[in-house]
PDB file of N, CA and C in Angstrom:
ATOM      1  N   MET A   1       3.335   0.100  -5.256  1.00  0.00           N
ATOM      2  CA  MET A   1       2.159  -0.489  -5.729  1.00  0.00           C
ATOM      3  C   MET A   1       2.489   0.497  -7.423  1.00  0.00           C
ATOM      4  N   TYR A   2       3.270   1.489  -6.666  1.00  0.00           N
ATOM      5  CA  TYR A   2       2.851   2.879  -8.281  1.00  0.00           C
ATOM      6  C   TYR A   2       4.205   1.677  -9.291  1.00  0.00           C
ATOM      7  N   PHE A   3       5.126   2.382  -9.102  1.00  0.00           N
ATOM      8  CA  PHE A   3       6.516   1.331  -9.845  1.00  0.00           C
ATOM      9  C   PHE A   3       5.718   0.094 -10.744  1.00  0.00           C
ATOM     10  N   VAL A   4       4.593  -0.220  -9.830  1.00  0.00           N
ATOM     11  CA  VAL A   4       4.317  -2.186 -10.870  1.00  0.00           C
ATOM     12  C   VAL A   4       3.218  -1.270 -11.577  1.00  0.00           C
ATOM     13  N   GLY A   5       2.353  -0.339 -11.251  1.00  0.00           N
ATOM     14  CA  GLY A   5       1.708  -0.059 -12.386  1.00  0.00           C
ATOM     15  C   GLY A   5       2.707   0.391 -13.346  1.00  0.00           C
ATOM     16  N   LEU A   6       3.396   1.177 -13.036  1.00  0.00           N
ATOM     17  CA  LEU A   6       3.581   2.112 -14.207  1.00  0.00           C
ATOM     18  C   LEU A   6       4.722   1.227 -14.805  1.00  0.00           C
ATOM     19  N   GLY A   7       5.279   0.576 -14.645  1.00  0.00           N
ATOM     20  CA  GLY A   7       6.148  -0.452 -15.510  1.00  0.00           C
ATOM     21  C   GLY A   7       4.947  -1.662 -15.794  1.00  0.00           C
ATOM     22  N   LEU A   8       4.006  -2.392 -15.266  1.00  0.00           N
ATOM     23  CA  LEU A   8       3.634  -2.477 -16.293  1.00  0.00           C
ATOM     24  C   LEU A   8       3.325  -2.021 -17.691  1.00  0.00           C
ATOM     25  N   ALA A   9       2.121  -0.571 -17.260  1.00  0.00           N
ATOM     26  CA  ALA A   9       1.823   0.616 -18.226  1.00  0.00           C
ATOM     27  C   ALA A   9       2.923   0.607 -19.522  1.00  0.00           C
ATOM     28  N   LEU A  10       3.867   0.650 -19.171  1.00  0.00           N
ATOM     29  CA  LEU A  10       5.151   0.938 -19.476  1.00  0.00           C
ATOM     30  C   LEU A  10       5.608  -0.102 -20.086  1.00  0.00           C
ATOM     31  N   MET A  11       5.267  -1.819 -20.115  1.00  0.00           N
ATOM     32  CA  MET A  11       5.612  -2.398 -20.820  1.00  0.00           C
ATOM     33  C   MET A  11       4.721  -3.163 -21.914  1.00  0.00           C
ATOM     34  N   VAL A  12       3.491  -2.356 -21.571  1.00  0.00           N
ATOM     35  CA  VAL A  12       2.213  -2.540 -22.538  1.00  0.00           C
ATOM     36  C   VAL A  12       2.565  -1.706 -24.137  1.00  0.00           C
ATOM     37  N   MET A  13       3.434  -0.242 -23.627  1.00  0.00           N
ATOM     38  CA  MET A  13       3.409   0.823 -24.516  1.00  0.00           C
ATOM     39  C   MET A  13       3.916   0.514 -25.334  1.00  0.00           C
ATOM     40  N   LYS A  14       5.295  -0.256 -24.819  1.00  0.00           N
ATOM     41  CA  LYS A  14       6.431  -0.966 -25.482  1.00  0.00           C
ATOM     42  C   LYS A  14       6.049  -1.941 -26.113  1.00  0.00           C
ATOM     43  N   TYR A  15       5.487  -2.992 -26.117  1.00  0.00           N
ATOM     44  CA  TYR A  15       4.829  -3.810 -26.535  1.00  0.00           C
ATOM     45  C   TYR A  15       3.990  -3.552 -27.921  1.00  0.00           C
ATOM     46  N   MET A  16       3.853  -2.083 -27.526  1.00  0.00           N
ATOM     47  CA  MET A  16       2.638  -2.426 -28.484  1.00  0.00           C
ATOM     48  C   MET A  16       2.856  -0.827 -29.786  1.00  0.00           C
ATOM     49  N   GLU A  17       4.010  -0.017 -29.519  1.00  0.00           N
ATOM     50  CA  GLU A  17       4.725   0.220 -30.149  1.00  0.00           C
ATOM     51  C   GLU A  17       4.548   1.447 -29.486  1.00  0.00           C
ATOM     52  N   PHE A  18       3.638   2.744 -28.386  1.00  0.00           N
ATOM     53  CA  PHE A  18       2.322   3.058 -28.540  1.00  0.00           C
ATOM     54  C   PHE A  18       3.575   4.361 -27.861  1.00  0.00           C
ATOM     55  N   GLY A  19       3.479   5.866 -29.107  1.00  0.00           N
ATOM     56  CA  GLY A  19       4.137   6.723 -28.514  1.00  0.00           C
ATOM     57  C   GLY A  19       5.392   6.739 -28.379  1.00  0.00           C
ATOM     58  N   PRO A  20       6.316   7.619 -27.719  1.00  0.00           N
ATOM     59  CA  PRO A  20       7.438   7.687 -27.277  1.00  0.00           C
ATOM     60  C   PRO A  20       8.513   6.375 -26.302  1.00  0.00           C
ATOM     61  N   VAL A  21       7.506   5.828 -25.507  1.00  0.00           N
ATOM     62  CA  VAL A  21       7.909   4.376 -25.051  1.00  0.00           C
ATOM     63  C   VAL A  21       8.321   3.577 -26.022  1.00  0.00           C
ATOM     64  N   ALA A  22       8.504   3.580 -27.813  1.00  0.00           N
ATOM     65  CA  ALA A  22       8.416   3.139 -28.813  1.00  0.00           C
ATOM     66  C   ALA A  22       9.710   3.204 -28.812  1.00  0.00           C
ATOM     67  N   GLY A  23      10.691   3.980 -28.729  1.00  0.00           N
ATOM     68  CA  GLY A  23      11.882   4.272 -28.714  1.00  0.00           C
ATOM     69  C   GLY A  23      12.632   4.410 -27.799  1.00  0.00           C
ATOM     70  N   LEU A  24      12.606   3.882 -26.748  1.00  0.00           N
ATOM     71  CA  LEU A  24      13.190   3.960 -25.399  1.00  0.00           C
ATOM     72  C   LEU A  24      13.360   1.795 -25.251  1.00  0.00           C
ATOM     73  N   SER A  25      14.865   2.110 -24.901  1.00  0.00           N
ATOM     74  CA  SER A  25      15.247   0.413 -23.988  1.00  0.00           C
ATOM     75  C   SER A  25      14.595  -0.073 -23.194  1.00  0.00           C
ATOM     76  N   TRP A  26      14.425  -1.399 -23.231  1.00  0.00           N
ATOM     77  CA  TRP A  26      14.062  -2.051 -21.852  1.00  0.00           C
ATOM     78  C   TRP A  26      14.281  -2.059 -21.581  1.00  0.00           C
ATOM     79  N   ILE A  27      15.439  -1.809 -20.680  1.00  0.00           N
ATOM     80  CA  ILE A  27      15.684  -0.858 -19.389  1.00  0.00           C
ATOM     81  C   ILE A  27      15.432  -0.522 -18.795  1.00  0.00           C
ATOM     82  N   TRP A  28      15.131   1.051 -20.042  1.00  0.00           N
ATOM     83  CA  TRP A  28      14.563   2.450 -18.752  1.00  0.00           C
ATOM     84  C   TRP A  28      13.525   1.223 -18.039  1.00  0.00           C
ATOM     85  N   VAL A  29      12.292   0.857 -19.562  1.00  0.00           N
ATOM     86  CA  VAL A  29      10.951   0.470 -19.282  1.00  0.00           C
ATOM     87  C   VAL A  29      11.087  -0.614 -18.924  1.00  0.00           C
ATOM     88  N   LEU A  30      11.296  -1.129 -18.146  1.00  0.00           N
ATOM     89  CA  LEU A  30      11.011  -2.525 -16.845  1.00  0.00           C
ATOM     90  C   LEU A  30      12.366  -1.697 -15.466  1.00  0.00           C
ATOM     91  N   SER A  31      12.998  -0.340 -15.732  1.00  0.00           N
ATOM     92  CA  SER A  31      13.305   0.124 -14.013  1.00  0.00           C
ATOM     93  C   SER A  31      12.389   0.255 -13.043  1.00  0.00           C
ATOM     94  N   PRO A  32      11.423   0.462 -13.263  1.00  0.00           N
ATOM     95  CA  PRO A  32      10.098   0.343 -12.715  1.00  0.00           C
ATOM     96  C   PRO A  32      10.265  -0.643 -11.529  1.00  0.00           C
ATOM     97  N   PHE A  33       9.867  -2.125 -12.293  1.00  0.00           N
ATOM     98  CA  PHE A  33      10.166  -3.076 -11.897  1.00  0.00           C
ATOM     99  C   PHE A  33      11.563  -3.126 -10.594  1.00  0.00           C
ATOM    100  N   ALA A  34      12.543  -2.878 -10.952  1.00  0.00           N
ATOM    101  CA  ALA A  34      13.519  -2.613 -10.098  1.00  0.00           C
ATOM    102  C   ALA A  34      13.349  -1.778  -9.121  1.00  0.00           C
ATOM    103  N   LEU A  35      12.919  -0.413  -9.136  1.00  0.00           N
ATOM    104  CA  LEU A  35      12.500   0.512  -8.266  1.00  0.00           C
ATOM    105  C   LEU A  35      11.515  -0.440  -7.397  1.00  0.00           C
ATOM    106  N   ALA A  36      10.378  -0.606  -7.827  1.00  0.00           N
ATOM    107  CA  ALA A  36       9.454  -1.217  -6.646  1.00  0.00           C
ATOM    108  C   ALA A  36      10.219  -2.471  -5.632  1.00  0.00           C
ATOM    109  N   MET A  37      11.264  -3.158  -6.292  1.00  0.00           N
ATOM    110  CA  MET A  37      12.214  -4.264  -5.117  1.00  0.00           C
ATOM    111  C   MET A  37      13.112  -3.644  -4.859  1.00  0.00           C
ATOM    112  N   ALA A  38      13.216  -2.664  -4.600  1.00  0.00           N
ATOM    113  CA  ALA A  38      14.195  -2.117  -3.772  1.00  0.00           C
ATOM    114  C   ALA A  38      12.790  -1.019  -2.496  1.00  0.00           C
ATOM    115  N   TRP A  39      12.293  -0.995  -3.385  1.00  0.00           N
ATOM    116  CA  TRP A  39      11.304  -0.517  -2.000  1.00  0.00           C
ATOM    117  C   TRP A  39      11.063  -1.181  -1.066  1.00  0.00           C
ATOM    118  N   TRP A  40      10.372  -2.332  -1.685  1.00  0.00           N
ATOM    119  CA  TRP A  40      10.272  -3.102  -0.839  1.00  0.00           C
ATOM    120  C   TRP A  40      11.016  -4.074   0.007  1.00  0.00           C
ATOM    121  N   ALA A  41      12.188  -4.042  -0.341  1.00  0.00           N
ATOM    122  CA  ALA A  41      13.349  -4.220  -0.101  1.00  0.00           C
ATOM    123  C   ALA A  41      13.529  -3.372   1.474  1.00  0.00           C
ATOM    124  N   TRP A  42      13.707  -2.211   0.969  1.00  0.00           N
ATOM    125  CA  TRP A  42      13.484  -1.113   2.239  1.00  0.00           C
ATOM    126  C   TRP A  42      12.590  -1.117   2.780  1.00  0.00           C
ATOM    127  N   ALA A  43      11.619  -1.554   2.161  1.00  0.00           N
ATOM    128  CA  ALA A  43      10.007  -1.238   3.992  1.00  0.00           C
ATOM    129  C   ALA A  43      10.356  -2.836   4.479  1.00  0.00           C
ATOM    130  N   ASP A  44      10.683  -3.717   3.912  1.00  0.00           N
ATOM    131  CA  ASP A  44      10.795  -4.627   4.966  1.00  0.00           C
ATOM    132  C   ASP A  44      11.836  -4.794   6.316  1.00  0.00           C
ATOM    133  N   ALA A  45      12.892  -4.326   5.630  1.00  0.00           N
ATOM    134  CA  ALA A  45      14.237  -4.477   6.339  1.00  0.00           C
ATOM    135  C   ALA A  45      14.280  -3.293   7.680  1.00  0.00           C
ATOM    136  N   SER A  46      13.464  -1.559   7.298  1.00  0.00           N
ATOM    137  CA  SER A  46      13.603  -1.523   8.007  1.00  0.00           C
ATOM    138  C   SER A  46      12.343  -1.100   9.018  1.00  0.00           C
ATOM    139  N   GLY A  47      11.237  -2.166   8.880  1.00  0.00           N
ATOM    140  CA  GLY A  47      10.238  -2.119  10.042  1.00  0.00           C
ATOM    141  C   GLY A  47       8.898  -1.486   9.039  1.00  0.00           C
ATOM    142  N   TYR A  48       8.846  -0.732   7.981  1.00  0.00           N
ATOM    143  CA  TYR A  48       8.002  -0.113   7.935  1.00  0.00           C
ATOM    144  C   TYR A  48       6.609  -0.413   7.324  1.00  0.00           C
ATOM    145  N   SER A  49       6.826  -1.554   7.277  1.00  0.00           N
ATOM    146  CA  SER A  49       5.549  -2.914   6.435  1.00  0.00           C
ATOM    147  C   SER A  49       4.997  -2.993   7.997  1.00  0.00           C
ATOM    148  N   ALA A  50       5.893  -3.657   8.722  1.00  0.00           N
ATOM    149  CA  ALA A  50       5.282  -4.073  10.230  1.00  0.00           C
ATOM    150  C   ALA A  50       4.322  -3.204  10.695  1.00  0.00           C
ATOM    151  N   LYS A  51       5.342  -2.122  10.812  1.00  0.00           N
ATOM    152  CA  LYS A  51       4.353  -0.683  11.483  1.00  0.00           C
ATOM    153  C   LYS A  51       3.489   0.013  11.136  1.00  0.00           C
ATOM    154  N   ARG A  52       3.058  -0.198   9.840  1.00  0.00           N
ATOM    155  CA  ARG A  52       1.935  -0.239   9.455  1.00  0.00           C
ATOM    156  C   ARG A  52       0.646  -1.157   9.461  1.00  0.00           C
ATOM    157  N   ALA A  53       1.425  -2.132   9.047  1.00  0.00           N
ATOM    158  CA  ALA A  53       0.394  -3.406   9.255  1.00  0.00           C
ATOM    159  C   ALA A  53      -0.323  -3.548  10.933  1.00  0.00           C
ATOM    160  N   MET A  54       0.737  -3.336  12.501  1.00  0.00           N
ATOM    161  CA  MET A  54      -0.122  -2.846  13.204  1.00  0.00           C
ATOM    162  C   MET A  54      -0.783  -1.825  13.656  1.00  0.00           C
ATOM    163  N   GLU A  55      -0.335  -0.815  12.682  1.00  0.00           N
ATOM    164  CA  GLU A  55      -1.326   0.095  12.861  1.00  0.00           C
ATOM    165  C   GLU A  55      -2.487   0.141  12.277  1.00  0.00           C
ATOM    166  N   ARG A  56      -2.213  -0.384  11.199  1.00  0.00           N
ATOM    167  CA  ARG A  56      -4.273  -0.835  11.102  1.00  0.00           C
ATOM    168  C   ARG A  56      -4.761  -1.671  11.935  1.00  0.00           C
ATOM    169  N   GLU A  57      -3.836  -2.783  12.042  1.00  0.00           N
ATOM    170  CA  GLU A  57      -4.665  -3.728  13.189  1.00  0.00           C
ATOM    171  C   GLU A  57      -5.640  -3.001  14.411  1.00  0.00           C
ATOM    172  N   LEU A  58      -4.748  -1.925  15.122  1.00  0.00           N
ATOM    173  CA  LEU A  58      -5.204  -1.300  16.352  1.00  0.00           C
ATOM    174  C   LEU A  58      -6.166  -0.799  15.589  1.00  0.00           C
ATOM    175  N   ALA A  59      -6.093  -0.307  15.124  1.00  0.00           N
ATOM    176  CA  ALA A  59      -7.482   1.131  13.962  1.00  0.00           C
ATOM    177  C   ALA A  59      -9.026  -0.230  14.199  1.00  0.00           C
ATOM    178  N   ARG A  60      -8.822  -1.544  13.206  1.00  0.00           N
ATOM    179  CA  ARG A  60      -9.706  -2.323  13.087  1.00  0.00           C
ATOM    180  C   ARG A  60     -10.114  -2.405  14.955  1.00  0.00           C
ATOM    181  N   LYS A  61      -8.906  -2.716  15.691  1.00  0.00           N
ATOM    182  CA  LYS A  61      -9.698  -3.550  17.317  1.00  0.00           C
ATOM    183  C   LYS A  61     -10.442  -2.289  17.730  1.00  0.00           C
ATOM    184  N   ASN A  62      -9.951  -0.668  17.860  1.00  0.00           N
ATOM    185  CA  ASN A  62     -10.645   0.110  17.978  1.00  0.00           C
ATOM    186  C   ASN A  62     -11.536   0.379  17.865  1.00  0.00           C
ATOM    187  N   ASP A  63     -12.112   0.340  16.858  1.00  0.00           N
ATOM    188  CA  ASP A  63     -13.690  -0.176  15.865  1.00  0.00           C
ATOM    189  C   ASP A  63     -14.282  -0.795  16.507  1.00  0.00           C
ATOM    190  N   ARG A  64     -13.860  -2.159  16.116  1.00  0.00           N
ATOM    191  CA  ARG A  64     -14.950  -2.771  17.062  1.00  0.00           C
ATOM    192  C   ARG A  64     -15.493  -2.609  17.904  1.00  0.00           C
ATOM    193  N   ILE A  65     -14.172  -2.351  19.298  1.00  0.00           N
ATOM    194  CA  ILE A  65     -14.600  -2.144  20.193  1.00  0.00           C
ATOM    195  C   ILE A  65     -15.174  -0.910  21.177  1.00  0.00           C
ATOM    196  N   ASN A  66     -15.315   0.244  19.953  1.00  0.00           N
ATOM    197  CA  ASN A  66     -16.724   1.046  19.612  1.00  0.00           C
ATOM    198  C   ASN A  66     -17.238   0.799  19.081  1.00  0.00           C
ATOM    199  N   LYS A  67     -17.949   0.136  18.183  1.00  0.00           N
ATOM    200  CA  LYS A  67     -18.829  -0.444  18.015  1.00  0.00           C
ATOM    201  C   LYS A  67     -19.524  -1.483  18.841  1.00  0.00           C
ATOM    202  N   ASN A  68     -18.570  -2.512  19.678  1.00  0.00           N
ATOM    203  CA  ASN A  68     -19.117  -3.218  19.980  1.00  0.00           C
ATOM    204  C   ASN A  68     -19.669  -2.398  21.927  1.00  0.00           C
ATOM    205  N   ARG A  69     -19.109  -1.397  22.544  1.00  0.00           N
ATOM    206  CA  ARG A  69     -19.995  -0.344  23.271  1.00  0.00           C
ATOM    207  C   ARG A  69     -21.413   0.575  22.814  1.00  0.00           C
ATOM    208  N   ALA A  70     -20.750   1.376  21.033  1.00  0.00           N
ATOM    209  CA  ALA A  70     -21.954   1.432  20.749  1.00  0.00           C
ATOM    210  C   ALA A  70     -23.331   0.786  20.853  1.00  0.00           C
ATOM    211  N   ASN A  71     -22.825  -0.174  21.318  1.00  0.00           N
ATOM    212  CA  ASN A  71     -24.807  -2.102  20.382  1.00  0.00           C
ATOM    213  C   ASN A  71     -24.602  -1.624  22.105  1.00  0.00           C
ATOM    214  N   MET A  72     -24.034  -2.076  22.458  1.00  0.00           N
ATOM    215  CA  MET A  72     -24.372  -2.214  24.541  1.00  0.00           C
ATOM    216  C   MET A  72     -24.685  -0.894  25.459  1.00  0.00           C
ATOM    217  N   GLY A  73     -25.324   0.165  24.808  1.00  0.00           N
ATOM    218  CA  GLY A  73     -25.038   1.584  24.956  1.00  0.00           C
ATOM    219  C   GLY A  73     -24.526   2.061  26.401  1.00  0.00           C
ATOM    220  N   THR A  74     -23.070   1.637  25.914  1.00  0.00           N
ATOM    221  CA  THR A  74     -22.474   2.171  27.017  1.00  0.00           C
ATOM    222  C   THR A  74     -21.505   2.580  26.788  1.00  0.00           C
ATOM    223  N   LEU A  75     -21.258   3.360  24.996  1.00  0.00           N
ATOM    224  CA  LEU A  75     -20.956   4.378  24.768  1.00  0.00           C
ATOM    225  C   LEU A  75     -21.165   5.351  24.939  1.00  0.00           C
ATOM    226  N   GLY A  76     -20.090   6.323  25.752  1.00  0.00           N
ATOM    227  CA  GLY A  76     -20.079   8.335  25.827  1.00  0.00           C
ATOM    228  C   GLY A  76     -20.706   8.361  27.188  1.00  0.00           C
ATOM    229  N   LYS A  77     -21.413   7.292  27.765  1.00  0.00           N
ATOM    230  CA  LYS A  77     -21.501   7.625  29.539  1.00  0.00           C
ATOM    231  C   LYS A  77     -20.714   7.370  30.463  1.00  0.00           C
ATOM    232  N   GLY A  78     -20.416   8.151  31.358  1.00  0.00           N
ATOM    233  CA  GLY A  78     -19.882   8.506  32.503  1.00  0.00           C
ATOM    234  C   GLY A  78     -20.060   7.205  33.328  1.00  0.00           C
ATOM    235  N   LYS A  79     -18.838   6.814  34.251  1.00  0.00           N
ATOM    236  CA  LYS A  79     -18.486   5.631  34.695  1.00  0.00           C
ATOM    237  C   LYS A  79     -19.488   6.209  35.857  1.00  0.00           C
ATOM    238  N   LYS A  80     -20.353   5.055  36.410  1.00  0.00           N
ATOM    239  CA  LYS A  80     -21.522   5.104  37.511  1.00  0.00           C
ATOM    240  C   LYS A  80     -20.725   4.779  38.741  1.00  0.00           C
ATOM    241  N   ARG A  81     -21.012   5.239  39.860  1.00  0.00           N
ATOM    242  CA  ARG A  81     -20.716   5.293  41.313  1.00  0.00           C
ATOM    243  C   ARG A  81     -21.488   4.461  42.152  1.00  0.00           C
TER     244      ARG A  81
END
């Protein structure tokens, strides 16, 4: 996502002819978009995206379980025999 933001900022600066970016070639200005595409392709191919999504879902599930236990008053109490 950082590459996309950088690409948008450089593109606007190039279009507005602002600062040193005005003298750069469009190839250099648009290169962060190619880097973003490469990153997303690698993240999807390596399973990085799926792993991160599963971690977020597990964290949400555990938070929901702990919240429900706290609301029922069973959180932190030991087993009753």
